[in-house]
Amino acid sequence: MKVLSGQTLFDIAVQYCGCADAAFGLAVLNGLNLTDDLEAGQELQIPGVLKSDIATYYANKGLNPATASNEPVESVERVFFEELSIEFS
């Protein structure tokens, strides 16, 4: 399969194998690390389907997850507005 822009090994694992656990086998099969950046158009071998119902759903809906965004973030919302300080004794 060919990698699309913004896809990670986890995206591809869910799309083609049906679960994120398959990312480990995908990495080994293709000589990659889990956190490697993938290039659009890069060819990868797929290890096999683990959960066919999920992989079939993605295929039938034409879903192509791509969670690695190269777009700059304009603003960041903060969960905590106060500085947190933890001291250990």
C-alpha atoms as a PDB file:
ATOM      1  CA  MET A   1       0.000   0.000   0.000  1.00  0.00           C
ATOM      2  CA  LYS A   2       1.058   3.613  -0.494  1.00  0.00           C
ATOM      3  CA  VAL A   3       1.228   5.978   2.474  1.00  0.00           C
ATOM      4  CA  LEU A   4      -0.951   9.087   2.270  1.00  0.00           C
ATOM      5  CA  SER A   5       0.120  12.489   3.540  1.00  0.00           C
ATOM      6  CA  GLY A   6      -0.053  12.699   7.329  1.00  0.00           C
ATOM      7  CA  GLN A   7      -0.397   8.975   7.982  1.00  0.00           C
ATOM      8  CA  THR A   8       1.372   7.188  10.823  1.00  0.00           C
ATOM      9  CA  LEU A   9       2.003   3.488  11.319  1.00  0.00           C
ATOM     10  CA  PHE A  10      -0.907   3.482  13.781  1.00  0.00           C
ATOM     11  CA  ASP A  11      -3.258   5.029  11.191  1.00  0.00           C
ATOM     12  CA  ILE A  12      -2.289   2.390   8.642  1.00  0.00           C
ATOM     13  CA  ALA A  13      -2.540  -0.426  11.178  1.00  0.00           C
ATOM     14  CA  VAL A  14      -6.112   0.519  12.077  1.00  0.00           C
ATOM     15  CA  GLN A  15      -7.139   1.094   8.467  1.00  0.00           C
ATOM     16  CA  TYR A  16      -5.694  -2.066   6.940  1.00  0.00           C
ATOM     17  CA  CYS A  17      -5.355  -4.479   9.886  1.00  0.00           C
ATOM     18  CA  GLY A  18      -8.278  -3.386  12.035  1.00  0.00           C
ATOM     19  CA  CYS A  19      -6.394  -2.472  15.228  1.00  0.00           C
ATOM     20  CA  ALA A  20      -3.546  -0.270  16.449  1.00  0.00           C
ATOM     21  CA  ASP A  21      -1.716  -3.317  17.871  1.00  0.00           C
ATOM     22  CA  ALA A  22      -0.782  -4.221  14.298  1.00  0.00           C
ATOM     23  CA  ALA A  23       1.516  -1.161  14.154  1.00  0.00           C
ATOM     24  CA  PHE A  24       4.226  -3.234  15.858  1.00  0.00           C
ATOM     25  CA  GLY A  25       4.156  -5.933  13.174  1.00  0.00           C
ATOM     26  CA  LEU A  26       3.890  -3.279  10.473  1.00  0.00           C
ATOM     27  CA  ALA A  27       7.028  -1.574  11.789  1.00  0.00           C
ATOM     28  CA  VAL A  28       9.013  -4.829  11.963  1.00  0.00           C
ATOM     29  CA  LEU A  29       7.889  -5.996   8.529  1.00  0.00           C
ATOM     30  CA  ASN A  30       8.950  -2.700   6.959  1.00  0.00           C
ATOM     31  CA  GLY A  31      12.145  -2.115   8.960  1.00  0.00           C
ATOM     32  CA  LEU A  32      10.745   0.965  10.704  1.00  0.00           C
ATOM     33  CA  ASN A  33      10.437   2.314  14.237  1.00  0.00           C
ATOM     34  CA  LEU A  34       6.964   3.052  15.602  1.00  0.00           C
ATOM     35  CA  THR A  35       7.666   6.775  15.716  1.00  0.00           C
ATOM     36  CA  ASP A  36       9.248   7.110  12.257  1.00  0.00           C
ATOM     37  CA  ASP A  37       7.783   9.824  10.043  1.00  0.00           C
ATOM     38  CA  LEU A  38       6.313   8.344   6.883  1.00  0.00           C
ATOM     39  CA  GLU A  39       6.529   9.996   3.474  1.00  0.00           C
ATOM     40  CA  ALA A  40       3.497  10.339   1.224  1.00  0.00           C
ATOM     41  CA  GLY A  41       3.810   7.738  -1.531  1.00  0.00           C
ATOM     42  CA  GLN A  42       6.079   5.471   0.527  1.00  0.00           C
ATOM     43  CA  GLU A  43       5.300   1.799  -0.127  1.00  0.00           C
ATOM     44  CA  LEU A  44       4.608  -0.443   2.891  1.00  0.00           C
ATOM     45  CA  GLN A  45       3.853  -4.130   3.209  1.00  0.00           C
ATOM     46  CA  ILE A  46       0.827  -5.017   5.330  1.00  0.00           C
ATOM     47  CA  PRO A  47       1.265  -7.898   7.834  1.00  0.00           C
ATOM     48  CA  GLY A  48      -2.341  -9.121   7.742  1.00  0.00           C
ATOM     49  CA  VAL A  49      -5.806  -8.367   9.054  1.00  0.00           C
ATOM     50  CA  LEU A  50      -6.356  -8.885  12.781  1.00  0.00           C
ATOM     51  CA  LYS A  51      -9.898  -7.538  13.068  1.00  0.00           C
ATOM     52  CA  SER A  52     -11.601  -7.870   9.715  1.00  0.00           C
ATOM     53  CA  ASP A  53     -14.825  -6.116  10.752  1.00  0.00           C
ATOM     54  CA  ILE A  54     -12.945  -2.882  11.504  1.00  0.00           C
ATOM     55  CA  ALA A  55     -10.720  -3.095   8.412  1.00  0.00           C
ATOM     56  CA  THR A  56     -13.812  -3.786   6.283  1.00  0.00           C
ATOM     57  CA  TYR A  57     -15.616  -0.793   7.793  1.00  0.00           C
ATOM     58  CA  TYR A  58     -12.711   1.516   6.893  1.00  0.00           C
ATOM     59  CA  ALA A  59     -12.563   0.087   3.368  1.00  0.00           C
ATOM     60  CA  ASN A  60     -16.328   0.333   2.784  1.00  0.00           C
ATOM     61  CA  LYS A  61     -16.481   3.931   4.033  1.00  0.00           C
ATOM     62  CA  GLY A  62     -13.313   4.955   2.172  1.00  0.00           C
ATOM     63  CA  LEU A  63     -11.737   6.155   5.425  1.00  0.00           C
ATOM     64  CA  ASN A  64      -8.051   7.045   5.347  1.00  0.00           C
ATOM     65  CA  PRO A  65      -6.962   8.206   8.811  1.00  0.00           C
ATOM     66  CA  ALA A  66      -4.057  10.660   8.836  1.00  0.00           C
ATOM     67  CA  THR A  67      -3.365  11.894  12.349  1.00  0.00           C
ATOM     68  CA  ALA A  68       0.149  13.281  11.799  1.00  0.00           C
ATOM     69  CA  SER A  69      -0.399  16.872  10.817  1.00  0.00           C
ATOM     70  CA  ASN A  70       2.381  19.037   9.462  1.00  0.00           C
ATOM     71  CA  GLU A  71       0.227  22.132   9.728  1.00  0.00           C
ATOM     72  CA  PRO A  72       1.399  24.739  12.251  1.00  0.00           C
ATOM     73  CA  VAL A  73      -0.809  25.258  15.277  1.00  0.00           C
ATOM     74  CA  GLU A  74      -2.090  28.840  15.515  1.00  0.00           C
ATOM     75  CA  SER A  75      -3.158  28.756  19.135  1.00  0.00           C
ATOM     76  CA  VAL A  76      -3.134  26.297  21.982  1.00  0.00           C
ATOM     77  CA  GLU A  77      -5.861  26.014  24.592  1.00  0.00           C
ATOM     78  CA  ARG A  78      -4.585  25.324  28.080  1.00  0.00           C
ATOM     79  CA  VAL A  79      -6.264  22.971  30.474  1.00  0.00           C
ATOM     80  CA  PHE A  80      -4.629  24.561  33.508  1.00  0.00           C
ATOM     81  CA  PHE A  81      -4.163  28.298  33.779  1.00  0.00           C
ATOM     82  CA  GLU A  82      -2.233  28.271  37.045  1.00  0.00           C
ATOM     83  CA  GLU A  83       1.291  26.963  37.359  1.00  0.00           C
ATOM     84  CA  LEU A  84       1.342  23.610  39.074  1.00  0.00           C
ATOM     85  CA  SER A  85       4.070  22.790  41.534  1.00  0.00           C
ATOM     86  CA  ILE A  86       4.643  19.388  43.099  1.00  0.00           C
ATOM     87  CA  GLU A  87       7.160  18.851  45.842  1.00  0.00           C
ATOM     88  CA  PHE A  88       8.360  15.430  46.903  1.00  0.00           C
ATOM     89  CA  SER A  89       9.811  14.761  50.338  1.00  0.00           C
END
